[in-house]
């Protein structure tokens, strides 16, 4: 008797149903009122799309979780929600099975002073987690001038190793002093501790340590004023170079006039007479974004000091500092703006940004303007976004830009800052 066989269509349907049942049994079990989802990624990868995981409209991550977890092997629980308010719990497993990707570099060291570290030979590296480096060869006699072949490996925190890497070590007679590449002006408030080396960049033609000495004997940290600070840099061969800068000691209270004076100085550098409002704001966005590193908290009691501290003192801040800096520039440029704070309770923490009018009073063209570093897989610009783009971002990070839109003007519908990663959420 001939054996019966399923038709290709029935067989494919059976396989599809089996695969669907397996997927649901593994990734969509329900505990209480929260659906559990499991997912695995390689370290350094982007977070998966919430819609892809949940399959529901408005699926988004709940703001407030540590998005840097994607760089560290481990298991993490991340909350999600959808447009209907249903809650989900993503159990994200991050694994690291790939070795670092390394480009070696040629290294120069001074004769007879010290020996190089294997890390010195890394020109560039692609690796999400921590790593170490070690030699696969004996180092040469550092008292002998010449070129030497070097082999080394790099290993990440998960034990993944590169193949054997090759470079050149050149031992030279060093007579070149270190070079002060960047010597910024410094600022501090009366009575505060002063980081004299902040922003100081010194390079040398050879590897090894460069000793930097600071002479702040002329500075009175308890009296407002401008003072000279001197630096001396000495490399391991004894070559010496010098540099000096000015430190401004301010009273604890910063006035808007003092802030305006500094903002005007920046405007003179980044704004030209031919720029319209859109071009001006793009220049402001780039300056603020590039000059303020993100930190998780700040004093939100005084926007003037928040802007001054982040732009001209610490070089860091949270969303309130970016918000305050944007306001400071808008006020000096005469650009109409509206302040926005995230609706309390919409997501963990709070968020501040502004809306700006790049049109006229008679024919306004409003856009959202957020200079904050948006730490997410969709790491796009926050410069001049429409309501549609803001709502799309909310579908990736639930409640991030939640606010009472009835209290604000609608934005222009024309997208002038593309956000390709968000288009699937439009």
Protein backbone atom coordinates (compact mmCIF):
# COMPACT_ATOMS: atom_id res chain seq x y z
CA UNK A 1 0.00 0.00 0.00
CA UNK A 2 1.36 3.40 -0.91
CA UNK A 3 2.14 5.73 2.00
CA UNK A 4 -0.07 8.81 2.28
CA UNK A 5 1.71 12.13 2.02
CA UNK A 6 0.60 15.62 3.02
CA UNK A 7 0.30 18.18 0.26
CA UNK A 8 3.01 20.89 0.23
CA UNK A 9 0.42 23.46 1.34
CA UNK A 10 -0.83 21.36 4.29
CA UNK A 11 2.71 20.48 5.30
CA UNK A 12 3.81 24.16 5.22
CA UNK A 13 0.73 25.14 7.23
CA UNK A 14 1.49 22.46 9.86
CA UNK A 15 5.08 23.66 10.17
CA UNK A 16 3.95 27.29 10.47
CA UNK A 17 1.46 26.46 13.22
CA UNK A 18 4.06 24.42 15.08
CA UNK A 19 6.58 27.27 14.86
CA UNK A 20 3.95 29.77 16.03
CA UNK A 21 3.03 27.55 19.01
CA UNK A 22 6.72 27.20 19.95
CA UNK A 23 7.27 30.96 19.72
CA UNK A 24 4.24 31.72 21.86
CA UNK A 25 5.13 29.12 24.44
CA UNK A 26 8.65 30.50 24.80
CA UNK A 27 8.24 34.24 24.42
CA UNK A 28 4.68 35.10 25.34
CA UNK A 29 3.87 33.39 28.62
CA UNK A 30 1.65 35.41 30.94
CA UNK A 31 2.37 35.91 34.62
CA UNK A 32 -0.23 38.01 36.40
CA UNK A 33 -1.12 40.91 34.13
CA UNK A 34 2.27 41.30 32.43
CA UNK A 35 3.21 39.30 29.37
CA UNK A 36 6.76 37.94 29.49
CA UNK A 37 8.90 38.07 26.38
CA UNK A 38 12.39 36.66 25.97
CA UNK A 39 14.96 37.81 23.43
CA UNK A 40 18.71 37.37 22.87
CA UNK A 41 21.11 39.80 21.18
CA UNK A 42 24.84 40.07 20.60
CA UNK A 43 26.60 42.63 22.80
CA UNK A 44 26.76 46.01 21.10
CA UNK A 45 23.61 45.44 19.04
CA UNK A 46 20.61 47.76 19.04
CA UNK A 47 17.57 47.01 21.14
CA UNK A 48 14.96 45.14 19.09
CA UNK A 49 11.89 47.01 17.88
CA UNK A 50 9.14 46.91 20.55
CA UNK A 51 6.52 46.40 17.83
CA UNK A 52 8.47 43.41 16.52
CA UNK A 53 8.47 41.87 20.00
CA UNK A 54 4.90 42.66 21.02
CA UNK A 55 3.02 42.92 17.73
CA UNK A 56 0.64 45.56 19.11
CA UNK A 57 0.01 49.16 18.14
CA UNK A 58 1.89 51.70 20.22
CA UNK A 59 4.34 49.12 21.61
CA UNK A 60 7.21 50.95 23.28
CA UNK A 61 9.88 50.63 25.94
CA UNK A 62 9.04 52.41 29.20
CA UNK A 63 11.55 55.25 29.63
CA UNK A 64 13.97 55.01 32.51
CA UNK A 65 15.76 51.69 32.02
CA UNK A 66 19.53 51.45 31.51
CA UNK A 67 19.92 51.38 27.74
CA UNK A 68 23.67 50.67 28.01
CA UNK A 69 22.86 47.11 29.12
CA UNK A 70 23.07 46.08 25.45
CA UNK A 71 26.87 46.40 25.76
CA UNK A 72 27.29 44.04 28.72
CA UNK A 73 26.65 40.28 28.70
CA UNK A 74 23.94 39.31 31.17
CA UNK A 75 20.18 39.03 31.57
CA UNK A 76 18.08 42.16 32.02
CA UNK A 77 14.38 42.84 32.62
CA UNK A 78 12.99 45.76 30.61
CA UNK A 79 9.37 47.00 30.92
CA UNK A 80 7.26 47.72 27.84
CA UNK A 81 3.71 48.85 27.17
CA UNK A 82 1.39 49.36 24.22
CA UNK A 83 -1.29 51.81 23.10
CA UNK A 84 -3.96 49.96 25.11
CA UNK A 85 -1.95 50.24 28.32
CA UNK A 86 -1.07 46.52 28.43
CA UNK A 87 2.19 45.79 30.21
CA UNK A 88 5.00 43.55 29.01
CA UNK A 89 8.24 42.38 30.56
CA UNK A 90 11.18 41.78 28.23
CA UNK A 91 13.78 39.34 29.53
CA UNK A 92 16.75 40.42 27.42
CA UNK A 93 19.78 38.16 27.27
CA UNK A 94 22.93 39.85 26.03
CA UNK A 95 25.69 37.51 24.94
CA UNK A 96 29.15 38.22 23.59
CA UNK A 97 30.51 35.66 21.12
CA UNK A 98 32.50 37.97 18.87
CA UNK A 99 36.14 38.93 19.31
CA UNK A 100 37.10 42.62 19.26
CA UNK A 101 37.83 44.10 15.85
CA UNK A 102 41.20 45.84 16.11
CA UNK A 103 43.29 47.99 13.79
CA UNK A 104 46.91 48.03 15.03
CA UNK A 105 49.08 51.14 14.94
CA UNK A 106 52.79 51.88 14.62
CA UNK A 107 54.22 52.88 18.02
CA UNK A 108 57.26 55.03 18.83
CA UNK A 109 59.08 54.78 22.17
CA UNK A 110 62.10 56.60 23.52
CA UNK A 111 65.36 54.75 23.93
CA UNK A 112 66.09 53.45 27.41
CA UNK A 113 63.19 54.98 29.34
CA UNK A 114 60.31 52.50 29.63
CA UNK A 115 58.63 49.59 27.88
CA UNK A 116 55.34 49.78 25.98
CA UNK A 117 52.06 48.17 26.97
CA UNK A 118 50.19 46.00 24.48
CA UNK A 119 47.28 48.45 24.68
CA UNK A 120 49.56 51.10 23.10
CA UNK A 121 49.38 49.25 19.79
CA UNK A 122 45.60 49.51 19.41
CA UNK A 123 44.88 52.17 16.80
CA UNK A 124 41.12 51.59 16.79
CA UNK A 125 38.83 48.96 18.26
CA UNK A 126 35.22 47.86 17.90
CA UNK A 127 34.19 46.25 21.18
CA UNK A 128 31.14 46.95 23.33
CA UNK A 129 32.55 45.60 26.60
CA UNK A 130 35.83 45.94 28.51
CA UNK A 131 38.99 44.40 27.06
CA UNK A 132 42.68 43.73 27.73
CA UNK A 133 45.71 43.25 25.49
CA UNK A 134 48.85 41.15 25.80
CA UNK A 135 52.01 40.46 23.78
CA UNK A 136 52.64 37.23 21.87
CA UNK A 137 56.34 38.05 21.49
CA UNK A 138 59.32 39.11 23.55
CA UNK A 139 59.87 42.86 23.65
CA UNK A 140 63.13 44.18 22.23
CA UNK A 141 65.99 45.70 24.17
CA UNK A 142 64.72 49.24 24.66
CA UNK A 143 68.31 50.53 24.71
CA UNK A 144 68.73 49.68 21.03
CA UNK A 145 67.45 52.11 18.38
CA UNK A 146 65.56 50.47 15.51
CA UNK A 147 62.31 48.98 14.17
CA UNK A 148 60.92 45.81 15.72
CA UNK A 149 58.07 43.48 14.75
CA UNK A 150 55.44 43.17 17.48
CA UNK A 151 52.69 40.57 17.79
CA UNK A 152 49.83 40.86 20.27
CA UNK A 153 46.23 39.86 20.95
CA UNK A 154 43.21 41.60 22.42
CA UNK A 155 40.71 39.74 24.63
CA UNK A 156 37.31 41.01 25.76
CA UNK A 157 35.63 40.47 29.14
CA UNK A 158 33.83 37.38 27.81
CA UNK A 159 37.08 35.69 26.79
CA UNK A 160 36.81 36.27 23.04
CA UNK A 161 40.27 36.76 21.55
CA UNK A 162 41.47 38.32 18.34
CA UNK A 163 43.74 36.48 15.98
CA UNK A 164 47.44 37.34 16.27
CA UNK A 165 47.88 41.04 15.46
CA UNK A 166 51.03 42.57 14.00
CA UNK A 167 52.56 46.01 14.37
CA UNK A 168 55.88 47.88 14.47
CA UNK A 169 57.68 49.32 17.49
CA UNK A 170 60.25 51.99 16.65
CA UNK A 171 62.76 52.86 19.36
CA UNK A 172 64.22 56.35 18.85
CA UNK A 173 66.44 58.91 20.54
CA UNK A 174 63.79 61.32 21.82
CA UNK A 175 64.66 65.01 21.75
CA UNK A 176 61.15 66.36 21.02
CA UNK A 177 59.19 67.95 23.89
CA UNK A 178 55.48 67.27 24.50
CA UNK A 179 52.94 69.46 22.69
CA UNK A 180 50.02 71.25 24.39
CA UNK A 181 47.25 70.64 21.85
CA UNK A 182 44.39 72.16 23.88
CA UNK A 183 44.70 74.59 26.78
CA UNK A 184 41.16 75.84 27.48
CA UNK A 185 40.18 78.77 29.66
CA UNK A 186 38.87 77.59 33.01
CA UNK A 187 35.94 78.65 35.19
CA UNK A 188 34.95 78.03 38.80
CA UNK A 189 32.71 79.49 41.47
CA UNK A 190 34.06 81.02 44.69
CA UNK A 191 35.07 78.31 47.15
CA UNK A 192 34.64 75.39 44.75
CA UNK A 193 37.27 72.74 44.07
CA UNK A 194 39.00 73.47 40.77
CA UNK A 195 39.85 70.85 38.13
CA UNK A 196 42.87 72.59 36.60
CA UNK A 197 43.55 69.80 34.09
CA UNK A 198 39.97 69.74 32.74
CA UNK A 199 40.04 69.84 28.95
CA UNK A 200 43.85 69.90 28.84
CA UNK A 201 45.23 67.81 25.96
CA UNK A 202 48.95 67.07 25.75
CA UNK A 203 50.55 64.81 23.14
CA UNK A 204 54.05 63.43 22.75
CA UNK A 205 55.92 61.89 19.84
CA UNK A 206 56.68 58.80 21.93
CA UNK A 207 54.67 56.47 24.09
CA UNK A 208 55.08 56.54 27.82
CA UNK A 209 53.91 58.87 30.53
CA UNK A 210 53.99 62.66 30.33
CA UNK A 211 54.22 64.35 33.72
CA UNK A 212 52.09 67.51 33.93
CA UNK A 213 52.64 69.98 36.73
CA UNK A 214 50.20 72.80 37.52
CA UNK A 215 51.24 76.15 38.96
CA UNK A 216 48.14 77.79 40.45
CA UNK A 217 50.00 79.88 43.00
CA UNK A 218 48.52 83.09 41.55
CA UNK A 219 44.91 81.90 42.00
CA UNK A 220 42.76 83.02 44.92
CA UNK A 221 39.78 80.62 44.76
CA UNK A 222 37.85 82.65 47.33
CA UNK A 223 37.93 85.97 45.47
CA UNK A 224 36.16 86.62 42.14
CA UNK A 225 38.50 87.60 39.33
CA UNK A 226 40.67 86.37 36.46
CA UNK A 227 43.91 84.56 37.26
CA UNK A 228 46.77 82.93 35.35
CA UNK A 229 47.46 79.20 35.61
CA UNK A 230 50.69 77.70 34.25
CA UNK A 231 51.45 74.14 33.13
CA UNK A 232 54.71 72.24 32.67
CA UNK A 233 54.82 68.98 30.68
CA UNK A 234 57.83 66.65 30.90
CA UNK A 235 58.15 63.40 28.94
CA UNK A 236 60.13 60.34 30.03
CA UNK A 237 63.23 61.54 28.16
CA UNK A 238 63.23 64.80 30.11
CA UNK A 239 61.99 67.03 27.28
CA UNK A 240 59.95 69.94 28.66
CA UNK A 241 57.28 72.33 27.34
CA UNK A 242 55.16 75.05 28.97
CA UNK A 243 51.69 76.60 28.55
CA UNK A 244 49.39 78.97 30.42
CA UNK A 245 45.68 79.81 30.55
CA UNK A 246 43.23 82.02 32.43
CA UNK A 247 40.79 80.89 35.09
CA UNK A 248 37.67 82.93 35.82
CA UNK A 249 36.46 82.78 39.42
CA UNK A 250 32.79 83.77 39.64
CA UNK A 251 30.46 84.67 42.46
CA UNK A 252 28.03 81.84 43.22
CA UNK A 253 25.17 83.81 41.68
CA UNK A 254 25.35 84.11 37.88
CA UNK A 255 23.31 86.94 36.39
CA UNK A 256 21.56 86.76 33.05
CA UNK A 257 23.79 89.61 31.87
CA UNK A 258 26.90 87.52 32.57
CA UNK A 259 25.37 84.55 30.78
CA UNK A 260 24.33 86.72 27.84
CA UNK A 261 27.84 88.07 27.43
CA UNK A 262 29.18 84.53 27.00
CA UNK A 263 26.31 83.43 24.77
CA UNK A 264 26.93 86.47 22.53
CA UNK A 265 30.56 85.38 22.22
CA UNK A 266 29.48 81.97 20.97
CA UNK A 267 26.88 83.46 18.62
CA UNK A 268 29.62 85.57 17.04
CA UNK A 269 31.47 82.32 16.23
CA UNK A 270 28.63 80.13 14.95
CA UNK A 271 26.02 82.49 13.45
CA UNK A 272 26.44 84.46 10.23
CA UNK A 273 24.22 87.31 8.93
CA UNK A 274 22.87 85.24 6.03
CA UNK A 275 21.38 82.54 8.29
CA UNK A 276 17.61 82.30 8.64
CA UNK A 277 16.03 81.02 11.86
CA UNK A 278 16.22 77.40 10.81
CA UNK A 279 19.93 77.65 10.01
CA UNK A 280 20.59 79.53 13.26
CA UNK A 281 18.86 76.83 15.31
CA UNK A 282 20.74 74.05 13.56
CA UNK A 283 24.00 75.81 14.42
CA UNK A 284 22.85 76.23 18.03
CA UNK A 285 21.80 72.58 18.21
CA UNK A 286 25.19 71.38 17.00
CA UNK A 287 27.07 73.63 19.42
CA UNK A 288 25.00 72.67 22.47
CA UNK A 289 25.00 68.97 21.55
CA UNK A 290 28.78 68.94 21.06
CA UNK A 291 29.67 70.98 24.16
CA UNK A 292 27.53 69.30 26.83
CA UNK A 293 28.17 65.66 27.77
CA UNK A 294 25.18 63.85 29.23
CA UNK A 295 24.89 63.21 32.98
CA UNK A 296 21.91 61.78 34.82
CA UNK A 297 21.05 64.65 37.18
CA UNK A 298 21.33 68.40 37.72
CA UNK A 299 20.17 71.31 39.86
CA UNK A 300 16.94 72.51 38.25
CA UNK A 301 16.32 75.52 40.47
CA UNK A 302 17.89 78.14 38.18
CA UNK A 303 17.89 77.89 34.39
CA UNK A 304 20.48 80.69 34.04
CA UNK A 305 23.03 78.87 36.16
CA UNK A 306 22.09 75.54 34.57
CA UNK A 307 22.93 76.93 31.11
CA UNK A 308 26.10 78.67 32.31
CA UNK A 309 27.39 75.63 34.21
CA UNK A 310 26.85 73.18 31.37
CA UNK A 311 28.17 75.39 28.57
CA UNK A 312 31.01 77.22 30.31
CA UNK A 313 31.86 75.43 33.56
CA UNK A 314 31.42 71.66 33.74
CA UNK A 315 30.74 70.76 30.11
CA UNK A 316 28.10 68.29 31.27
CA UNK A 317 24.47 68.14 32.35
CA UNK A 318 21.12 66.44 31.96
CA UNK A 319 18.07 67.36 29.87
CA UNK A 320 17.44 70.46 31.98
CA UNK A 321 20.89 71.84 31.12
CA UNK A 322 20.35 71.23 27.39
CA UNK A 323 16.91 72.84 27.74
CA UNK A 324 18.36 75.86 29.58
CA UNK A 325 21.18 76.30 27.05
CA UNK A 326 18.68 76.25 24.17
CA UNK A 327 16.59 78.90 25.91
CA UNK A 328 19.65 81.10 26.44
CA UNK A 329 20.45 81.07 22.72
CA UNK A 330 16.82 81.60 21.64
CA UNK A 331 16.52 84.66 23.89
CA UNK A 332 19.65 86.25 22.43
CA UNK A 333 18.68 85.41 18.84
CA UNK A 334 15.12 86.68 19.28
CA UNK A 335 13.55 83.33 18.41
CA UNK A 336 10.13 82.68 19.93
CA UNK A 337 9.99 79.50 22.01
CA UNK A 338 7.75 77.53 24.36
CA UNK A 339 9.00 75.53 27.34
CA UNK A 340 7.77 71.95 27.78
CA UNK A 341 8.11 69.52 30.69
CA UNK A 342 7.11 65.87 30.42
CA UNK A 343 3.74 65.07 31.99
CA UNK A 344 4.45 63.82 35.53
CA UNK A 345 3.99 60.07 35.85
CA UNK A 346 4.03 59.41 32.10
CA UNK A 347 7.45 57.78 32.46
CA UNK A 348 10.17 57.45 35.06
CA UNK A 349 11.81 60.77 35.84
CA UNK A 350 11.18 63.95 33.93
CA UNK A 351 12.25 65.53 30.67
CA UNK A 352 12.52 69.12 29.41
CA UNK A 353 12.63 70.49 25.87
CA UNK A 354 11.30 73.46 23.92
CA UNK A 355 9.28 74.31 20.84
CA UNK A 356 10.60 77.00 18.48
CA UNK A 357 9.00 79.15 15.80
CA UNK A 358 11.10 79.33 12.64
CA UNK A 359 8.38 81.30 10.84
CA UNK A 360 6.85 84.66 11.66
CA UNK A 361 4.23 85.82 14.13
CA UNK A 362 1.72 86.06 11.30
CA UNK A 363 2.71 82.73 9.72
CA UNK A 364 4.30 80.64 12.48
CA UNK A 365 6.12 77.37 11.82
CA UNK A 366 6.59 75.54 15.09
CA UNK A 367 8.95 72.59 15.68
CA UNK A 368 10.14 70.64 18.69
CA UNK A 369 13.75 71.40 19.64
CA UNK A 370 15.64 69.04 21.98
CA UNK A 371 19.44 69.20 22.20
CA UNK A 372 19.61 66.31 24.70
CA UNK A 373 21.67 63.27 23.77
CA UNK A 374 18.87 60.80 23.02
CA UNK A 375 20.43 57.61 24.39
CA UNK A 376 18.46 55.02 22.47
CA UNK A 377 18.77 52.66 19.53
CA UNK A 378 17.06 55.38 17.49
CA UNK A 379 19.87 57.86 18.12
CA UNK A 380 18.64 60.57 15.78
CA UNK A 381 18.75 64.34 15.98
CA UNK A 382 16.25 66.13 18.22
CA UNK A 383 16.62 69.28 16.14
CA UNK A 384 13.40 70.65 14.65
CA UNK A 385 11.01 67.70 14.83
CA UNK A 386 7.32 67.60 13.99
CA UNK A 387 4.50 66.35 16.23
CA UNK A 388 4.43 63.22 14.06
CA UNK A 389 8.09 62.50 14.79
CA UNK A 390 7.65 63.13 18.51
CA UNK A 391 4.71 60.71 18.63
CA UNK A 392 6.77 58.15 16.72
CA UNK A 393 9.56 58.39 19.27
CA UNK A 394 6.97 57.81 21.99
CA UNK A 395 6.19 54.50 20.33
CA UNK A 396 9.80 53.47 20.88
CA UNK A 397 10.17 54.88 24.40
CA UNK A 398 6.76 55.08 26.01
CA UNK A 399 5.93 58.49 27.44
CA UNK A 400 9.30 60.05 26.69
CA UNK A 401 7.74 63.10 25.03
CA UNK A 402 4.38 62.94 26.82
CA UNK A 403 2.83 66.41 27.29
CA UNK A 404 -0.52 68.17 27.07
CA UNK A 405 -0.46 69.12 23.39
CA UNK A 406 -3.67 71.16 23.80
CA UNK A 407 -1.62 73.77 25.65
CA UNK A 408 0.84 74.22 22.78
CA UNK A 409 0.68 75.12 19.09
CA UNK A 410 0.67 72.30 16.56
CA UNK A 411 3.92 71.94 14.68
CA UNK A 412 4.37 72.43 10.97
CA UNK A 413 3.64 69.14 9.20
CA UNK A 414 6.65 69.34 6.90
CA UNK A 415 9.51 67.11 8.08
CA UNK A 416 12.76 69.06 7.76
CA UNK A 417 14.96 66.79 9.92
CA UNK A 418 14.69 63.21 8.60
CA UNK A 419 14.47 60.42 11.21
CA UNK A 420 14.56 57.24 9.07
CA UNK A 421 14.58 54.88 12.06
CA UNK A 422 11.24 56.26 13.21
CA UNK A 423 9.44 56.13 9.88
CA UNK A 424 8.01 52.68 10.65
CA UNK A 425 6.13 54.35 13.53
CA UNK A 426 4.65 57.23 11.54
